[in-house]
Protein backbone atom coordinates (compact mmCIF):
# COMPACT_ATOMS: atom_id res chain seq x y z
CA MET A 1 7.81 15.53 28.31
CA ILE A 2 10.97 15.69 26.21
CA GLY A 3 9.39 18.41 24.09
CA ALA A 4 9.25 20.64 27.15
CA ILE A 5 13.01 20.45 27.75
CA ASP A 6 14.81 23.65 26.80
CA ILE A 7 17.74 22.88 24.48
CA SER A 8 19.88 25.13 26.70
CA LEU A 9 19.68 22.44 29.38
CA LEU A 10 21.81 20.15 27.22
CA ARG A 11 25.08 21.25 28.81
CA SER A 12 28.38 19.43 28.44
CA GLU A 13 28.75 15.78 29.33
CA GLU A 14 31.12 16.68 32.19
CA ASP A 15 28.51 18.98 33.68
CA GLY A 16 25.98 16.16 33.47
CA GLY A 17 23.03 18.54 33.88
CA ALA A 18 20.97 17.11 31.02
CA VAL A 19 21.58 13.52 32.11
CA ASP A 20 20.66 14.32 35.71
CA LEU A 21 17.47 15.99 34.48
CA VAL A 22 16.46 12.92 32.45
CA LEU A 23 17.20 10.60 35.35
CA HIS A 24 15.06 12.82 37.58
CA LEU A 25 12.20 12.73 35.03
CA LEU A 26 12.47 8.94 34.93
CA GLY A 27 12.17 8.79 38.73
CA VAL A 28 15.73 7.64 39.40
CA SER A 29 16.92 8.62 42.89
CA LYS A 30 20.04 10.73 43.39
CA VAL A 31 21.80 7.86 45.15
CA LEU A 32 21.15 5.43 42.29
CA ALA A 33 21.99 8.09 39.70
CA GLY A 34 25.38 8.60 41.31
CA LYS A 35 26.18 4.92 40.82
CA ILE A 36 25.57 5.01 37.05
CA ALA A 37 28.87 4.58 35.21
CA LYS A 38 30.28 7.54 33.32
CA ARG A 39 30.12 5.58 30.06
CA ASP A 40 26.42 4.83 30.59
CA ARG A 41 25.76 8.49 31.35
CA ALA A 42 27.48 9.43 28.07
CA LEU A 43 25.25 6.98 26.16
CA LEU A 44 22.16 8.38 27.84
CA PHE A 45 23.29 11.89 26.94
CA THR A 46 23.68 10.85 23.26
CA VAL A 47 20.21 9.29 23.20
CA LEU A 48 18.76 12.44 24.75
CA ILE A 49 20.29 14.63 22.05
CA GLY A 50 18.91 12.33 19.34
CA LEU A 51 15.40 12.31 20.77
CA VAL A 52 15.34 16.09 21.06
CA ALA A 53 16.64 16.39 17.49
CA VAL A 54 13.95 14.06 16.11
CA TYR A 55 11.25 15.85 18.09
CA SER A 56 12.50 19.26 16.92
CA LEU A 57 12.58 18.08 13.29
CA SER A 58 8.99 16.82 13.58
CA ARG A 59 7.84 20.11 15.13
CA TRP A 60 9.63 22.10 12.42
CA ILE A 61 7.99 20.14 9.62
CA ASP A 62 4.54 20.47 11.22
CA ALA A 63 5.04 24.20 11.74
CA HIS A 64 5.84 24.72 8.05
CA ARG A 65 3.01 22.64 6.62
CA PRO A 66 0.56 24.40 4.27
CA ALA A 67 -2.54 25.89 5.87
CA ALA A 68 -5.43 23.46 6.23
CA ASN A 69 -7.55 25.33 3.69
CA GLN A 70 -4.82 25.45 1.07
CA GLY A 71 -5.53 23.47 -2.12
CA PHE A 72 -3.92 20.09 -2.60
CA GLU A 73 -2.41 21.34 -5.86
CA ASN A 74 -0.14 23.64 -3.81
CA GLU A 75 1.21 20.86 -1.59
CA GLU A 76 4.95 20.57 -1.24
CA LEU A 77 7.32 18.51 0.85
CA TYR A 78 9.26 21.12 2.79
CA LEU A 79 12.18 18.79 3.51
CA ASN A 80 13.45 16.55 0.74
CA ALA A 81 14.89 13.13 1.53
CA ALA A 82 18.54 14.22 1.56
CA THR A 83 17.91 17.19 3.86
CA ALA A 84 15.80 15.13 6.27
CA LYS A 85 18.56 12.53 6.42
CA ARG A 86 21.14 15.17 7.38
CA LEU A 87 18.89 16.61 10.09
CA SER A 88 18.00 13.22 11.59
CA LEU A 89 21.41 13.01 13.31
CA GLY A 90 21.66 9.27 12.78
CA PHE A 91 18.11 8.50 13.95
CA ASN A 92 17.16 7.66 10.37
CA GLY A 93 14.88 4.77 11.28
CA LEU A 94 12.69 6.88 13.55
CA VAL A 95 12.35 9.66 10.98
CA ALA A 96 11.68 7.08 8.22
CA ASP A 97 8.82 5.69 10.34
CA TRP A 98 7.47 9.21 10.68
CA TYR A 99 7.50 9.76 6.90
CA TRP A 100 5.90 6.35 6.37
CA MET A 101 3.07 7.16 8.77
CA ARG A 102 2.61 10.53 7.08
CA SER A 103 2.32 8.71 3.73
CA LEU A 104 -0.52 6.53 5.05
CA GLN A 105 -2.24 9.48 6.75
CA TYR A 106 -1.92 11.54 3.58
CA VAL A 107 -3.58 8.89 1.40
CA GLY A 108 -6.20 8.17 4.07
CA GLY A 109 -7.08 11.86 4.31
CA LYS A 110 -7.46 12.09 0.55
CA ILE A 111 -9.79 9.09 0.52
CA VAL A 112 -11.94 10.55 3.33
CA ASP A 113 -12.16 13.94 1.59
CA TYR A 114 -12.93 12.49 -1.84
CA PRO A 115 -16.48 13.62 -2.72
CA LEU A 116 -17.45 10.52 -4.72
CA HIS A 117 -17.30 6.77 -4.21
CA LEU A 118 -13.69 5.73 -4.74
CA GLN A 119 -12.44 2.36 -5.90
CA LEU A 120 -9.33 1.66 -3.79
CA ASP A 121 -7.68 -0.11 -6.73
CA ASN A 122 -7.48 3.19 -8.63
CA MET A 123 -5.80 5.94 -6.62
CA GLY A 124 -5.10 8.10 -9.66
CA GLN A 125 -8.27 10.10 -9.01
CA LEU A 126 -6.91 11.47 -5.72
CA ASN A 127 -4.15 13.75 -7.09
CA LEU A 128 -1.58 12.28 -4.69
CA LYS A 129 1.09 14.84 -5.52
CA LEU A 130 2.88 14.48 -2.20
CA LEU A 131 3.00 10.67 -2.01
CA THR A 132 6.08 10.17 -4.23
CA PRO A 133 8.37 12.49 -2.19
CA LEU A 134 7.03 11.06 1.09
CA LEU A 135 7.83 7.48 0.04
CA ASP A 136 11.11 8.64 -1.44
CA ALA A 137 12.06 10.21 1.89
CA ALA A 138 11.10 7.12 3.91
CA THR A 139 13.14 4.79 1.69
CA THR A 140 16.13 7.16 1.56
CA LEU A 141 16.23 7.50 5.34
CA ASP A 142 15.89 3.73 5.86
CA PRO A 143 16.73 1.78 2.66
CA GLN A 144 15.98 -1.53 4.43
CA PHE A 145 12.39 -0.47 5.25
CA ILE A 146 10.46 -2.81 2.91
CA GLU A 147 6.83 -1.68 3.37
CA PRO A 148 7.17 1.70 1.56
CA TYR A 149 8.59 -0.08 -1.50
CA GLN A 150 5.53 -2.31 -1.69
CA TYR A 151 3.22 0.68 -1.28
CA ALA A 152 5.08 2.49 -4.07
CA ALA A 153 4.67 -0.54 -6.35
CA VAL A 154 0.94 -0.80 -5.77
CA VAL A 155 -0.25 2.82 -5.52
CA LEU A 156 2.16 4.96 -7.57
CA PRO A 157 1.60 3.24 -10.97
CA ASP A 158 -1.92 4.70 -11.05
CA PHE A 159 -0.43 8.16 -11.66
CA ASP A 160 3.41 7.98 -11.74
CA VAL A 161 4.83 4.79 -13.22
CA PRO A 162 8.44 6.07 -13.57
CA ALA A 163 8.51 7.02 -9.88
CA ALA A 164 7.17 3.61 -8.87
CA ILE A 165 9.88 1.85 -10.89
CA ARG A 166 12.61 4.17 -9.63
CA ILE A 167 11.72 3.72 -5.94
CA VAL A 168 11.39 -0.07 -6.17
CA ARG A 169 14.66 -0.33 -8.12
CA LYS A 170 16.26 1.75 -5.36
CA GLY A 171 15.00 -0.87 -2.94
CA VAL A 172 16.48 -3.68 -5.04
CA GLU A 173 19.87 -1.96 -5.05
CA ALA A 174 19.78 -1.48 -1.27
CA ASN A 175 18.42 -4.97 -0.57
CA PRO A 176 19.79 -7.25 -3.34
CA SER A 177 18.84 -10.43 -1.47
CA GLU A 178 15.19 -9.44 -0.82
CA TRP A 179 13.14 -11.47 -3.32
CA ARG A 180 9.90 -9.63 -2.46
CA LEU A 181 11.21 -6.48 -4.12
CA TYR A 182 11.59 -8.38 -7.40
CA HIS A 183 7.99 -9.48 -6.98
CA HIS A 184 6.95 -5.82 -6.56
CA LEU A 185 9.01 -4.81 -9.60
CA GLY A 186 7.50 -7.60 -11.67
CA PHE A 187 4.04 -6.49 -10.56
CA ILE A 188 4.62 -2.95 -11.88
CA TYR A 189 5.82 -4.17 -15.29
CA TRP A 190 3.00 -6.72 -15.48
CA GLN A 191 0.48 -3.93 -14.87
CA GLN A 192 2.03 -2.02 -17.78
CA LYS A 193 1.67 -5.18 -19.94
CA ASP A 194 5.45 -5.39 -20.31
CA PHE A 195 5.37 -9.13 -19.72
CA GLN A 196 8.95 -9.73 -20.86
CA THR A 197 10.47 -7.29 -18.32
CA ALA A 198 8.08 -8.57 -15.65
CA GLY A 199 9.23 -12.12 -16.33
CA GLU A 200 12.87 -11.04 -16.06
CA ALA A 201 12.18 -9.47 -12.66
CA TYR A 202 10.52 -12.67 -11.40
CA GLU A 203 13.39 -14.73 -12.83
CA ARG A 204 16.01 -12.72 -10.93
CA GLY A 205 13.98 -12.87 -7.74
CA ALA A 206 13.42 -16.62 -8.08
CA LYS A 207 17.18 -17.22 -7.90
CA LEU A 208 17.56 -15.57 -4.49
CA PRO A 209 17.84 -17.58 -1.26
CA GLY A 210 14.47 -18.07 0.39
CA ALA A 211 12.44 -17.24 -2.75
CA PRO A 212 9.28 -19.40 -2.90
CA PRO A 213 8.75 -21.78 -5.85
CA TRP A 214 5.88 -19.66 -7.18
CA MET A 215 8.34 -16.93 -8.17
CA LYS A 216 9.79 -19.26 -10.80
CA ALA A 217 6.27 -20.26 -11.86
CA MET A 218 5.36 -16.57 -12.29
CA MET A 219 8.33 -16.17 -14.62
CA GLY A 220 6.88 -18.88 -16.86
CA ARG A 221 3.37 -17.43 -16.69
CA MET A 222 4.62 -14.02 -17.85
CA ALA A 223 6.25 -15.59 -20.89
CA SER A 224 3.32 -17.77 -21.91
CA GLU A 225 0.12 -16.10 -20.67
CA GLY A 226 1.00 -12.74 -19.11
CA GLY A 227 -2.28 -11.13 -20.13
CA SER A 228 -4.57 -13.93 -19.01
CA ARG A 229 -7.07 -13.69 -16.19
CA ASP A 230 -5.51 -16.68 -14.46
CA THR A 231 -2.16 -14.91 -14.36
CA ALA A 232 -3.81 -11.80 -12.94
CA ARG A 233 -5.48 -13.89 -10.28
CA GLU A 234 -2.15 -15.43 -9.30
CA VAL A 235 -0.41 -12.02 -9.17
CA TYR A 236 -3.05 -10.52 -6.90
CA ARG A 237 -3.29 -13.62 -4.74
CA ARG A 238 0.45 -13.47 -4.05
CA LEU A 239 0.25 -9.74 -3.48
CA TYR A 240 -2.56 -10.28 -0.96
CA GLU A 241 -0.58 -12.96 0.88
CA GLU A 242 2.58 -10.87 1.09
CA ALA A 243 0.97 -7.50 1.91
CA SER A 244 1.43 -6.08 5.39
CA ASP A 245 -0.42 -2.80 4.77
CA SER A 246 -4.21 -3.00 5.08
CA GLN A 247 -4.87 -0.71 2.09
CA VAL A 248 -2.69 -2.84 -0.20
CA LYS A 249 -4.27 -6.02 1.14
CA ASN A 250 -7.79 -4.64 0.59
CA MET A 251 -6.93 -3.52 -2.94
CA ALA A 252 -5.62 -6.98 -3.83
CA ARG A 253 -8.71 -8.60 -2.29
CA LYS A 254 -11.02 -6.43 -4.39
CA ARG A 255 -9.10 -7.21 -7.56
CA LEU A 256 -9.55 -10.91 -6.79
CA LEU A 257 -13.28 -10.32 -6.30
CA LEU A 258 -13.39 -8.54 -9.66
CA LEU A 259 -11.62 -11.38 -11.46
CA ASP A 260 -14.02 -13.95 -9.97
CA SER A 261 -16.93 -11.70 -10.90
CA LEU A 262 -15.77 -11.40 -14.50
CA ASP A 263 -15.75 -15.20 -14.77
CA MET A 264 -19.22 -15.32 -13.27
CA GLN A 265 -20.56 -12.62 -15.60
CA GLU A 266 -19.30 -14.52 -18.64
CA ALA A 267 -21.11 -17.65 -17.43
CA LEU A 268 -24.33 -15.71 -16.80
CA ARG A 269 -24.20 -14.13 -20.27
CA LYS A 270 -23.97 -17.60 -21.81
CA LEU A 271 -27.03 -18.70 -19.82
CA ILE A 272 -28.93 -15.56 -20.85
CA THR A 273 -28.07 -16.28 -24.49
CA ALA A 274 -29.29 -19.84 -24.09
CA TYR A 275 -32.55 -18.57 -22.59
CA LYS A 276 -33.04 -16.13 -25.45
CA SER A 277 -32.41 -18.85 -28.05
CA LYS A 278 -35.10 -21.00 -26.47
CA MET A 279 -37.68 -18.32 -25.61
CA GLY A 280 -37.05 -15.85 -28.43
CA ARG A 281 -36.56 -12.92 -26.04
CA CYS A 282 -34.41 -11.68 -23.20
CA PRO A 283 -35.43 -12.69 -19.67
CA ARG A 284 -37.36 -9.94 -17.89
CA THR A 285 -36.41 -11.07 -14.39
CA TRP A 286 -33.89 -13.41 -12.83
CA HIS A 287 -36.78 -15.51 -11.53
CA GLU A 288 -37.53 -16.62 -15.10
CA MET A 289 -34.02 -18.08 -15.29
CA ARG A 290 -34.16 -19.88 -11.95
CA PRO A 291 -34.22 -23.40 -13.47
CA LEU A 292 -31.13 -22.63 -15.56
CA LEU A 293 -29.28 -21.06 -12.64
CA GLY A 294 -30.19 -24.00 -10.43
CA ALA A 295 -28.96 -26.51 -13.00
CA PHE A 296 -25.50 -24.95 -12.86
CA ARG A 297 -25.63 -24.60 -9.05
CA ILE A 298 -25.27 -20.83 -9.14
CA GLN A 299 -25.99 -19.28 -5.75
CA VAL A 300 -29.04 -16.98 -5.74
CA ASP A 301 -30.88 -14.82 -3.22
CA SER A 302 -34.54 -15.13 -2.20
CA SER A 303 -35.70 -13.36 -5.38
CA GLY A 304 -33.74 -15.73 -7.62
CA ALA A 305 -30.99 -13.21 -8.48
CA PRO A 306 -27.47 -14.69 -8.75
CA LEU A 307 -24.98 -13.40 -6.20
CA ASP A 308 -21.60 -11.93 -7.05
CA PRO A 309 -18.44 -13.05 -5.14
CA ALA A 310 -19.09 -10.37 -2.49
CA GLY A 311 -22.64 -11.65 -1.88
CA THR A 312 -24.52 -8.84 -3.68
CA PRO A 313 -27.15 -9.70 -6.37
CA TYR A 314 -26.21 -9.03 -9.97
CA LEU A 315 -28.35 -6.63 -11.97
CA LEU A 316 -30.18 -8.00 -15.01
CA VAL A 317 -30.21 -5.60 -17.98
CA ALA A 318 -33.30 -6.96 -19.73
CA ASP A 319 -33.20 -4.59 -22.72
CA THR A 320 -29.79 -5.80 -23.90
CA CYS A 321 -29.69 -9.32 -22.46
CA ASP A 322 -26.78 -8.35 -20.26
CA VAL A 323 -25.66 -8.45 -16.63
CA ASN A 324 -24.02 -5.79 -14.47
CA VAL A 325 -22.47 -5.48 -11.03
CA ASP A 326 -24.49 -3.44 -8.54
CA ARG A 327 -22.56 -0.30 -7.54
CA LYS A 328 -23.38 -1.12 -3.93
CA SER A 329 -21.26 -4.26 -4.18
CA GLU A 330 -17.70 -4.58 -2.92
CA VAL A 331 -16.81 -5.86 -6.37
CA PRO A 332 -15.20 -2.95 -8.30
CA PHE A 333 -17.54 -1.59 -10.96
CA ARG A 334 -16.05 -1.79 -14.44
């Protein structure tokens, strides 16, 4: 309804035309409208101007988007963060929400349009050229908006590590008492195998009020066993627990499935080796190994095949005495 209001109707406060129009649209009677204090009418007039400005900014951005058939390589953000902040007329939070939603829609559209099966823990294949400026705009407009920082920490390192670090550090500067941002920063450096810098980030975050004890424990893990699978499991478990975005949560969940699967595959390879030592050949089917699998209480399906952490049977590679994850499984294929 607001979008249909001609900007020329926003006459002076003394005239009161715009305020009277809004009150009429809201169903307020003339008698009740006349009783509204002048100060309240001024506030309503200010809110009206802000809403129209935000709506107009949104319409302008949509009108100048690239054509639907234009290649992703030609994508550009037509308003940078600083310009959008100037045009938001103080309604930074609303415009930041808009940029945040556009970020999620942008990534979701890329996933839907991707021609092959995509592992959500590796977004680098999507050519997400526009994601960095979108997240940059959202965090510039509302520096206290935490979710975009987490998204930057998880998704951007797949194709733009410096941007991920820069955006999260911007969040730390704007929110120095938010321990979660140090967790996100530590996560980025841990992914890059810079365990010393990751440990320093966790150490600084652990000193903040409200930081959970595991932040201090993560600092120690980075120093002693940063590259271990147990450390990775702890990092992704904490990321899963703290995530508010469903894509980030799903990515962390799949990484945990992968880590559990890697442990399981190592155990199965040892059993296959033991079978070969006894029988002098590789097993041809999982059924032949059923006694061994049963002895170690490994869960199997009706055919005797061991199940991965997502409940899908592992594939036996009889020629090489090896085991693989089925590509149909939720466990990421590596």
